[in-house]
Amino acid sequence: MSKLTGWWKRRSSAGKVELYTRWSFHFFVLVEILSFGSMAFTVRDPADPRPLVPAVASFLVVCAHSVLVGFLSSRALDFVTGRRERPVRLAVATTAVTVTAVLLFLCLRRFAGLHEAAAPGLVLGVSCFGCGSLVLTLEKVRHMSYVPPGGRRRGARGPPPHAPGGARS
């Protein structure tokens, strides 16, 4: 048994934390695929005459997005530990793929017959995992804290009061 656990015991505490964190982020790839990628199929009614193509396209987009997010997370963890430069181009690519995926899900919902219950979940899942991986590429904790509350606040309150369609005082 000591052969199986010896490699773990020889690691420092910092090495154990890094290994656990790295594998947690790699596991998120599988979580995104299983939870959000399969959503297009699970909400689909078998008696529904709409084609299966939007569901398959959505699943493939989520798979590609999750692999890209996992790759960015790995590079960003290397950046945080000081082993690599900041992955700026990869972060830009992840942002572009995330925005494109969100627009694709909305277009598939509107024009190609993606189930109306699947589109919001797919948009939310891809947006959350994309933002989560992008937060790792930021240097200051203060900047990291701006990303999630800003999106949550905007979604919960709606448009600001001075914007067209906003509340008037």
Foldseek 3Di string as FASTA:
>chain_A
DCVVCVVVVPDDPVRVVLVVVLVVLVVVLVVQLVPQLCLLVPVDDPVDPADCVLSVVLSVLSNVLSVLLSVLLVVLSCVVVPNDPQPVVSLVVSVVSLVVSLVSLVCCVVPRPRDPVNNVSSNVSSVVSSLVSSLSSDDDVVVSVCRVVVVVVCVVQPDDQVDVVHNDD
